[in-house]
């Protein structure tokens, strides 16, 4: 799974750059399959990427069956079949299928055939390609570290 650890994201947006470069051959974050949501008022960065849902609403909403599931269980758009109706974009409960401003077709993470570029270029480890078990262990570890830090802050 492509796991996101927003507490580690610095907002560099390298993930957006390498994604668009890998998929369309140009640096254009508007055509990336990952986006970094920035909230300047709250001071956080959140990488948004397809969660590859088990019962994928995007895939289930496609009336022309332009999706297929690959060996990694990634839900992939077959752009030859896609008619750009945008139903998959609307159906995504997480808002992580984006519209390509050029082709007007959906931009959806395909996990880069099991070797995600965004992961390779994320210098902080905010985006990782790991198992669900590894994700759970890492979240527990990060939560524990935050808790210990909070206790230390209270004591000083």
N, C-alpha and C. Protein backbone atom coordinates (compact mmCIF):
# COMPACT_ATOMS: atom_id res chain seq x y z
N UNK A 1 0.83 -1.18 0.00
CA UNK A 1 0.00 0.00 0.00
C UNK A 1 0.87 1.24 0.00
N UNK A 2 0.35 2.29 -0.56
CA UNK A 2 1.03 3.58 -0.53
C UNK A 2 0.54 4.28 0.73
N UNK A 3 1.42 4.40 1.70
CA UNK A 3 1.06 4.97 3.00
C UNK A 3 1.58 6.39 3.12
N UNK A 4 0.79 7.22 3.75
CA UNK A 4 1.14 8.63 3.94
C UNK A 4 1.28 8.91 5.43
N UNK A 5 2.36 9.58 5.78
CA UNK A 5 2.62 10.02 7.14
C UNK A 5 2.70 11.55 7.11
N UNK A 6 1.56 12.22 7.23
CA UNK A 6 1.53 13.68 7.06
C UNK A 6 2.41 14.43 8.05
N UNK A 7 2.62 13.85 9.22
CA UNK A 7 3.46 14.52 10.22
C UNK A 7 4.92 14.64 9.76
N UNK A 8 5.30 13.87 8.74
CA UNK A 8 6.67 13.92 8.22
C UNK A 8 6.80 14.77 6.95
N UNK A 9 5.67 15.20 6.39
CA UNK A 9 5.69 15.95 5.13
C UNK A 9 6.13 17.39 5.37
N UNK A 10 7.08 17.84 4.55
CA UNK A 10 7.57 19.22 4.64
C UNK A 10 6.94 20.13 3.59
N UNK A 11 6.16 19.54 2.69
CA UNK A 11 5.53 20.35 1.64
C UNK A 11 6.45 20.68 0.49
N UNK A 12 7.52 19.92 0.31
CA UNK A 12 8.48 20.21 -0.77
C UNK A 12 7.87 19.99 -2.15
N UNK A 13 6.89 19.12 -2.23
CA UNK A 13 6.16 18.79 -3.46
C UNK A 13 7.00 18.04 -4.51
N UNK A 14 8.12 17.48 -4.10
CA UNK A 14 8.92 16.66 -5.02
C UNK A 14 8.10 15.49 -5.55
N UNK A 15 7.19 14.97 -4.73
CA UNK A 15 6.34 13.84 -5.15
C UNK A 15 5.49 14.22 -6.35
N UNK A 16 4.94 15.42 -6.36
CA UNK A 16 4.12 15.89 -7.48
C UNK A 16 4.97 16.00 -8.75
N UNK A 17 6.16 16.52 -8.59
CA UNK A 17 7.05 16.74 -9.74
C UNK A 17 7.44 15.41 -10.38
N UNK A 18 7.93 14.45 -9.55
CA UNK A 18 8.38 13.18 -10.13
C UNK A 18 7.22 12.36 -10.69
N UNK A 19 6.04 12.50 -10.11
CA UNK A 19 4.88 11.77 -10.61
C UNK A 19 4.52 12.26 -12.02
N UNK A 20 4.43 13.57 -12.19
CA UNK A 20 4.08 14.08 -13.52
C UNK A 20 5.19 13.77 -14.52
N UNK A 21 6.43 13.84 -14.09
CA UNK A 21 7.55 13.54 -14.98
C UNK A 21 7.51 12.08 -15.43
N UNK A 22 7.24 11.18 -14.49
CA UNK A 22 7.19 9.75 -14.84
C UNK A 22 6.02 9.43 -15.78
N UNK A 23 4.87 9.99 -15.52
CA UNK A 23 3.67 9.61 -16.27
C UNK A 23 3.46 10.37 -17.57
N UNK A 24 3.84 11.64 -17.62
CA UNK A 24 3.59 12.40 -18.85
C UNK A 24 4.85 13.02 -19.45
N UNK A 25 5.97 12.85 -18.76
CA UNK A 25 7.24 13.30 -19.33
C UNK A 25 7.53 14.79 -19.17
N UNK A 26 6.73 15.49 -18.39
CA UNK A 26 6.98 16.91 -18.12
C UNK A 26 6.76 17.19 -16.64
N UNK A 27 7.39 18.24 -16.16
CA UNK A 27 7.17 18.65 -14.78
C UNK A 27 5.97 19.57 -14.77
N UNK A 28 4.86 19.03 -14.26
CA UNK A 28 3.62 19.79 -14.19
C UNK A 28 2.77 19.21 -13.05
N UNK A 29 2.88 19.76 -11.85
CA UNK A 29 2.13 19.25 -10.71
C UNK A 29 0.62 19.18 -10.93
N UNK A 30 0.09 20.00 -11.82
CA UNK A 30 -1.35 19.95 -12.13
C UNK A 30 -1.74 18.63 -12.80
N UNK A 31 -0.74 17.93 -13.33
CA UNK A 31 -1.01 16.66 -14.02
C UNK A 31 -0.44 15.47 -13.24
N UNK A 32 -0.19 15.70 -11.97
CA UNK A 32 0.33 14.66 -11.09
C UNK A 32 -0.82 13.82 -10.54
N UNK A 33 -0.51 12.59 -10.19
CA UNK A 33 -1.49 11.70 -9.58
C UNK A 33 -1.45 11.76 -8.06
N UNK A 34 -0.60 12.60 -7.55
CA UNK A 34 -0.52 12.87 -6.11
C UNK A 34 -0.50 14.38 -5.95
N UNK A 35 -1.15 14.86 -4.92
CA UNK A 35 -1.18 16.30 -4.65
C UNK A 35 -0.89 16.51 -3.18
N UNK A 36 -0.25 17.62 -2.89
CA UNK A 36 0.02 17.97 -1.50
C UNK A 36 -0.92 19.11 -1.13
N UNK A 37 -1.80 18.81 -0.19
CA UNK A 37 -2.73 19.81 0.32
C UNK A 37 -2.01 20.61 1.40
N UNK A 38 -2.02 21.90 1.26
CA UNK A 38 -1.34 22.78 2.22
C UNK A 38 -2.38 23.63 2.91
N UNK A 39 -2.33 23.63 4.24
CA UNK A 39 -3.17 24.52 5.03
C UNK A 39 -2.24 25.48 5.76
N UNK A 40 -2.12 26.67 5.23
CA UNK A 40 -1.18 27.64 5.80
C UNK A 40 -1.64 28.13 7.17
N UNK A 41 -2.93 28.12 7.42
CA UNK A 41 -3.44 28.60 8.71
C UNK A 41 -3.20 27.60 9.83
N UNK A 42 -3.33 26.33 9.52
CA UNK A 42 -3.09 25.27 10.52
C UNK A 42 -1.64 24.80 10.51
N UNK A 43 -0.92 25.12 9.43
CA UNK A 43 0.50 24.77 9.34
C UNK A 43 0.77 23.30 9.11
N UNK A 44 0.03 22.69 8.18
CA UNK A 44 0.31 21.30 7.87
C UNK A 44 0.26 21.05 6.38
N UNK A 45 0.93 19.98 5.98
CA UNK A 45 0.98 19.53 4.59
C UNK A 45 0.43 18.10 4.58
N UNK A 46 -0.40 17.77 3.60
CA UNK A 46 -0.99 16.45 3.54
C UNK A 46 -0.91 15.92 2.11
N UNK A 47 -0.04 14.94 1.86
CA UNK A 47 -0.02 14.32 0.54
C UNK A 47 -1.33 13.54 0.31
N UNK A 48 -1.97 13.78 -0.81
CA UNK A 48 -3.22 13.10 -1.16
C UNK A 48 -2.93 12.14 -2.31
N UNK A 49 -3.23 10.88 -2.09
CA UNK A 49 -2.97 9.85 -3.09
C UNK A 49 -4.04 8.77 -2.98
N UNK A 50 -4.29 8.09 -4.08
CA UNK A 50 -5.28 7.03 -4.11
C UNK A 50 -4.96 5.96 -3.07
N UNK A 51 -5.99 5.54 -2.34
CA UNK A 51 -5.84 4.53 -1.30
C UNK A 51 -6.05 3.11 -1.82
N UNK A 52 -6.34 2.97 -3.12
CA UNK A 52 -6.56 1.66 -3.72
C UNK A 52 -7.59 0.86 -2.90
N UNK A 53 -8.74 1.46 -2.70
CA UNK A 53 -9.82 0.86 -1.90
C UNK A 53 -10.13 -0.56 -2.35
N UNK A 54 -10.44 -1.40 -1.39
CA UNK A 54 -10.80 -2.79 -1.69
C UNK A 54 -12.04 -2.85 -2.58
N UNK A 55 -13.09 -2.16 -2.16
CA UNK A 55 -14.32 -2.09 -2.94
C UNK A 55 -14.37 -0.68 -3.53
N UNK A 56 -13.56 -0.44 -4.55
CA UNK A 56 -13.28 0.91 -5.07
C UNK A 56 -14.49 1.59 -5.71
N UNK A 57 -14.98 2.67 -5.09
CA UNK A 57 -16.10 3.40 -5.66
C UNK A 57 -15.80 3.96 -7.05
N UNK A 58 -14.56 4.36 -7.29
CA UNK A 58 -14.20 4.89 -8.62
C UNK A 58 -14.40 3.82 -9.69
N UNK A 59 -13.90 2.65 -9.42
CA UNK A 59 -14.00 1.54 -10.37
C UNK A 59 -15.46 1.11 -10.54
N UNK A 60 -16.19 1.05 -9.44
CA UNK A 60 -17.58 0.62 -9.48
C UNK A 60 -18.49 1.63 -10.18
N UNK A 61 -18.08 2.88 -10.24
CA UNK A 61 -18.90 3.91 -10.87
C UNK A 61 -18.70 3.99 -12.38
N UNK A 62 -17.67 3.34 -12.89
CA UNK A 62 -17.33 3.45 -14.31
C UNK A 62 -18.32 2.65 -15.17
N UNK A 63 -19.04 3.36 -16.01
CA UNK A 63 -20.07 2.69 -16.82
C UNK A 63 -19.51 2.02 -18.07
N UNK A 64 -18.25 2.27 -18.41
CA UNK A 64 -17.65 1.64 -19.60
C UNK A 64 -16.57 0.63 -19.23
N UNK A 65 -16.47 0.32 -17.94
CA UNK A 65 -15.50 -0.66 -17.43
C UNK A 65 -14.07 -0.35 -17.89
N UNK A 66 -13.68 0.90 -17.66
CA UNK A 66 -12.35 1.36 -18.04
C UNK A 66 -11.31 1.11 -16.95
N UNK A 67 -11.68 0.40 -15.92
CA UNK A 67 -10.75 0.07 -14.85
C UNK A 67 -10.44 -1.42 -14.86
N UNK A 68 -9.25 -1.75 -14.40
CA UNK A 68 -8.91 -3.15 -14.16
C UNK A 68 -8.03 -3.20 -12.91
N UNK A 69 -7.90 -4.38 -12.35
CA UNK A 69 -7.10 -4.58 -11.15
C UNK A 69 -5.85 -5.35 -11.53
N UNK A 70 -4.68 -4.80 -11.17
CA UNK A 70 -3.43 -5.49 -11.52
C UNK A 70 -3.01 -6.44 -10.41
N UNK A 71 -1.83 -7.05 -10.56
CA UNK A 71 -1.37 -8.07 -9.61
C UNK A 71 -1.08 -7.52 -8.22
N UNK A 72 -0.90 -6.20 -8.07
CA UNK A 72 -0.68 -5.59 -6.76
C UNK A 72 -1.99 -5.12 -6.15
N UNK A 73 -3.10 -5.43 -6.79
CA UNK A 73 -4.44 -5.01 -6.38
C UNK A 73 -4.66 -3.51 -6.60
N UNK A 74 -3.86 -2.91 -7.46
CA UNK A 74 -4.06 -1.50 -7.81
C UNK A 74 -5.18 -1.39 -8.82
N UNK A 75 -6.01 -0.39 -8.63
CA UNK A 75 -7.10 -0.14 -9.58
C UNK A 75 -6.56 0.82 -10.64
N UNK A 76 -6.48 0.35 -11.88
CA UNK A 76 -5.83 1.06 -12.96
C UNK A 76 -6.85 1.52 -14.00
N UNK A 77 -6.67 2.74 -14.50
CA UNK A 77 -7.54 3.26 -15.55
C UNK A 77 -6.98 2.86 -16.91
N UNK A 78 -7.81 2.27 -17.73
CA UNK A 78 -7.46 1.98 -19.12
C UNK A 78 -7.91 3.20 -19.93
N UNK A 79 -6.95 4.06 -20.25
CA UNK A 79 -7.27 5.33 -20.90
C UNK A 79 -7.81 5.17 -22.32
N UNK A 80 -7.59 4.02 -22.91
CA UNK A 80 -8.17 3.75 -24.23
C UNK A 80 -9.68 3.57 -24.13
N UNK A 81 -10.14 3.00 -23.04
CA UNK A 81 -11.56 2.77 -22.84
C UNK A 81 -12.26 3.97 -22.20
N UNK A 82 -11.52 4.76 -21.43
CA UNK A 82 -12.09 5.87 -20.68
C UNK A 82 -12.74 6.89 -21.61
N UNK A 83 -13.96 7.31 -21.28
CA UNK A 83 -14.68 8.29 -22.09
C UNK A 83 -14.71 9.67 -21.42
N UNK A 84 -13.95 9.83 -20.35
CA UNK A 84 -13.81 11.10 -19.64
C UNK A 84 -15.13 11.62 -19.07
N UNK A 85 -15.95 10.72 -18.58
CA UNK A 85 -17.24 11.13 -18.00
C UNK A 85 -17.08 11.73 -16.60
N UNK A 86 -15.97 11.46 -15.94
CA UNK A 86 -15.62 11.99 -14.63
C UNK A 86 -16.38 11.35 -13.47
N UNK A 87 -17.12 10.31 -13.74
CA UNK A 87 -17.85 9.65 -12.66
C UNK A 87 -16.91 9.12 -11.59
N UNK A 88 -15.76 8.61 -12.00
CA UNK A 88 -14.80 8.06 -11.03
C UNK A 88 -14.24 9.15 -10.12
N UNK A 89 -14.07 10.33 -10.66
CA UNK A 89 -13.56 11.45 -9.86
C UNK A 89 -14.59 11.84 -8.81
N UNK A 90 -15.84 11.91 -9.22
CA UNK A 90 -16.93 12.28 -8.31
C UNK A 90 -17.14 11.19 -7.26
N UNK A 91 -17.00 9.93 -7.65
CA UNK A 91 -17.27 8.81 -6.75
C UNK A 91 -16.23 8.63 -5.66
N UNK A 92 -15.04 9.12 -5.84
CA UNK A 92 -13.98 8.91 -4.85
C UNK A 92 -14.33 9.62 -3.54
N UNK A 93 -14.51 8.86 -2.46
CA UNK A 93 -14.89 9.49 -1.18
C UNK A 93 -13.77 10.31 -0.55
N UNK A 94 -12.56 10.14 -1.04
CA UNK A 94 -11.42 10.85 -0.46
C UNK A 94 -10.94 12.01 -1.33
N UNK A 95 -11.53 12.17 -2.50
CA UNK A 95 -11.15 13.27 -3.38
C UNK A 95 -9.74 13.16 -3.91
N UNK A 96 -9.28 11.93 -4.17
CA UNK A 96 -7.89 11.74 -4.61
C UNK A 96 -7.76 11.25 -6.04
N UNK A 97 -8.83 11.29 -6.79
CA UNK A 97 -8.75 11.11 -8.25
C UNK A 97 -8.90 12.50 -8.83
N UNK A 98 -7.94 12.89 -9.62
CA UNK A 98 -7.90 14.27 -10.10
C UNK A 98 -8.21 14.33 -11.59
N UNK A 99 -8.52 15.51 -12.07
CA UNK A 99 -8.82 15.71 -13.49
C UNK A 99 -7.58 16.26 -14.19
N UNK A 100 -7.17 15.58 -15.25
CA UNK A 100 -6.06 16.06 -16.06
C UNK A 100 -6.55 17.28 -16.84
N UNK A 101 -5.93 18.45 -16.64
CA UNK A 101 -6.41 19.66 -17.31
C UNK A 101 -6.21 19.63 -18.83
N UNK A 102 -5.38 18.73 -19.32
CA UNK A 102 -5.12 18.64 -20.76
C UNK A 102 -6.04 17.61 -21.42
N UNK A 103 -6.03 16.38 -20.91
CA UNK A 103 -6.81 15.31 -21.54
C UNK A 103 -8.26 15.27 -21.06
N UNK A 104 -8.53 15.92 -19.93
CA UNK A 104 -9.86 15.92 -19.29
C UNK A 104 -10.26 14.53 -18.80
N UNK A 105 -9.26 13.65 -18.64
CA UNK A 105 -9.49 12.29 -18.12
C UNK A 105 -8.96 12.24 -16.68
N UNK A 106 -9.36 11.21 -15.95
CA UNK A 106 -8.92 11.13 -14.55
C UNK A 106 -7.43 10.83 -14.42
N UNK A 107 -6.85 11.40 -13.38
CA UNK A 107 -5.48 11.09 -12.99
C UNK A 107 -5.59 10.28 -11.71
N UNK A 108 -5.19 9.03 -11.77
CA UNK A 108 -5.32 8.14 -10.63
C UNK A 108 -4.02 7.37 -10.46
N UNK A 109 -3.59 7.28 -9.23
CA UNK A 109 -2.34 6.56 -8.92
C UNK A 109 -2.41 5.12 -9.42
N UNK A 110 -1.33 4.70 -10.08
CA UNK A 110 -1.23 3.31 -10.55
C UNK A 110 -0.08 2.57 -9.87
N UNK A 111 0.46 3.18 -8.82
CA UNK A 111 1.58 2.63 -8.04
C UNK A 111 2.84 2.42 -8.87
N UNK A 112 2.92 3.04 -10.03
CA UNK A 112 4.12 2.99 -10.88
C UNK A 112 4.61 1.55 -11.06
N UNK A 113 3.70 0.64 -11.33
CA UNK A 113 4.03 -0.78 -11.51
C UNK A 113 4.77 -1.37 -10.32
N UNK A 114 4.40 -0.92 -9.13
CA UNK A 114 4.99 -1.47 -7.90
C UNK A 114 6.28 -0.82 -7.46
N UNK A 115 6.68 0.28 -8.10
CA UNK A 115 7.91 0.99 -7.74
C UNK A 115 7.62 2.50 -7.77
N UNK A 116 6.80 2.99 -6.83
CA UNK A 116 6.34 4.38 -6.88
C UNK A 116 7.47 5.41 -6.84
N UNK A 117 7.47 6.28 -7.83
CA UNK A 117 8.46 7.35 -7.91
C UNK A 117 8.36 8.30 -6.72
N UNK A 118 7.14 8.60 -6.28
CA UNK A 118 6.97 9.53 -5.18
C UNK A 118 7.70 9.05 -3.93
N UNK A 119 7.69 7.74 -3.70
CA UNK A 119 8.36 7.16 -2.54
C UNK A 119 9.87 7.34 -2.65
N UNK A 120 10.41 7.10 -3.84
CA UNK A 120 11.86 7.21 -4.04
C UNK A 120 12.38 8.62 -3.79
N UNK A 121 11.55 9.62 -4.06
CA UNK A 121 12.01 11.00 -3.96
C UNK A 121 11.51 11.71 -2.71
N UNK A 122 10.81 11.01 -1.83
CA UNK A 122 10.35 11.61 -0.58
C UNK A 122 11.46 11.49 0.45
N UNK A 123 12.19 12.55 0.66
CA UNK A 123 13.38 12.51 1.51
C UNK A 123 13.06 12.36 2.99
N UNK A 124 11.83 12.66 3.40
CA UNK A 124 11.47 12.56 4.82
C UNK A 124 10.78 11.25 5.17
N UNK A 125 10.39 10.46 4.17
CA UNK A 125 9.67 9.23 4.44
C UNK A 125 8.19 9.45 4.70
N UNK A 126 7.67 10.59 4.27
CA UNK A 126 6.24 10.89 4.46
C UNK A 126 5.37 10.01 3.57
N UNK A 127 5.93 9.49 2.48
CA UNK A 127 5.22 8.58 1.58
C UNK A 127 6.04 7.30 1.49
N UNK A 128 5.40 6.18 1.75
CA UNK A 128 6.10 4.90 1.74
C UNK A 128 5.23 3.84 1.06
N UNK A 129 5.88 2.89 0.45
CA UNK A 129 5.19 1.75 -0.16
C UNK A 129 5.45 0.57 0.76
N UNK A 130 4.48 0.27 1.64
CA UNK A 130 4.66 -0.74 2.68
C UNK A 130 3.38 -1.57 2.83
N UNK A 131 3.47 -2.60 3.63
CA UNK A 131 2.29 -3.42 3.91
C UNK A 131 1.44 -2.72 4.97
N UNK A 132 0.21 -3.16 5.10
CA UNK A 132 -0.69 -2.61 6.11
C UNK A 132 -0.13 -2.84 7.52
N UNK A 133 0.49 -3.98 7.74
CA UNK A 133 1.07 -4.28 9.04
C UNK A 133 2.23 -3.32 9.36
N UNK A 134 3.08 -3.06 8.37
CA UNK A 134 4.18 -2.11 8.57
C UNK A 134 3.64 -0.72 8.86
N UNK A 135 2.57 -0.34 8.16
CA UNK A 135 1.95 0.96 8.36
C UNK A 135 1.45 1.09 9.81
N UNK A 136 0.76 0.07 10.30
CA UNK A 136 0.25 0.10 11.67
C UNK A 136 1.37 0.21 12.69
N UNK A 137 2.44 -0.57 12.50
CA UNK A 137 3.59 -0.50 13.41
C UNK A 137 4.21 0.89 13.42
N UNK A 138 4.36 1.48 12.24
CA UNK A 138 4.98 2.80 12.15
C UNK A 138 4.10 3.87 12.79
N UNK A 139 2.80 3.79 12.60
CA UNK A 139 1.88 4.75 13.22
C UNK A 139 1.95 4.67 14.74
N UNK A 140 2.01 3.45 15.28
CA UNK A 140 2.13 3.28 16.73
C UNK A 140 3.44 3.88 17.22
N UNK A 141 4.52 3.64 16.49
CA UNK A 141 5.83 4.18 16.86
C UNK A 141 5.81 5.70 16.86
N UNK A 142 5.26 6.31 15.80
CA UNK A 142 5.22 7.77 15.73
C UNK A 142 4.33 8.36 16.82
N UNK A 143 3.22 7.71 17.12
CA UNK A 143 2.34 8.18 18.19
C UNK A 143 3.04 8.11 19.54
N UNK A 144 3.76 7.03 19.77
CA UNK A 144 4.50 6.87 21.02
C UNK A 144 5.56 7.96 21.16
N UNK A 145 6.27 8.24 20.09
CA UNK A 145 7.30 9.28 20.12
C UNK A 145 6.69 10.65 20.43
N UNK A 146 5.53 10.94 19.84
CA UNK A 146 4.84 12.21 20.12
C UNK A 146 4.41 12.29 21.58
N UNK A 147 3.93 11.17 22.12
CA UNK A 147 3.49 11.13 23.50
C UNK A 147 4.66 11.39 24.45
N UNK A 148 5.78 10.73 24.20
CA UNK A 148 6.97 10.92 25.03
C UNK A 148 7.44 12.37 24.95
N UNK A 149 7.43 12.93 23.78
CA UNK A 149 7.83 14.34 23.61
C UNK A 149 6.90 15.28 24.38
N UNK A 150 5.60 15.00 24.35
CA UNK A 150 4.63 15.83 25.08
C UNK A 150 4.87 15.75 26.59
N UNK A 151 5.18 14.55 27.09
CA UNK A 151 5.48 14.37 28.52
C UNK A 151 6.72 15.17 28.90
N UNK A 152 7.75 15.12 28.06
CA UNK A 152 8.97 15.87 28.32
C UNK A 152 8.71 17.37 28.35
N UNK A 153 7.85 17.83 27.45
CA UNK A 153 7.50 19.26 27.40
C UNK A 153 6.80 19.69 28.69
N UNK A 154 5.91 18.84 29.20
CA UNK A 154 5.18 19.14 30.43
C UNK A 154 6.13 19.21 31.62
N UNK A 155 7.13 18.33 31.65
CA UNK A 155 8.06 18.26 32.76
C UNK A 155 9.01 19.45 32.79
N UNK A 156 9.25 20.08 31.67
CA UNK A 156 10.23 21.19 31.66
C UNK A 156 9.59 22.53 31.84
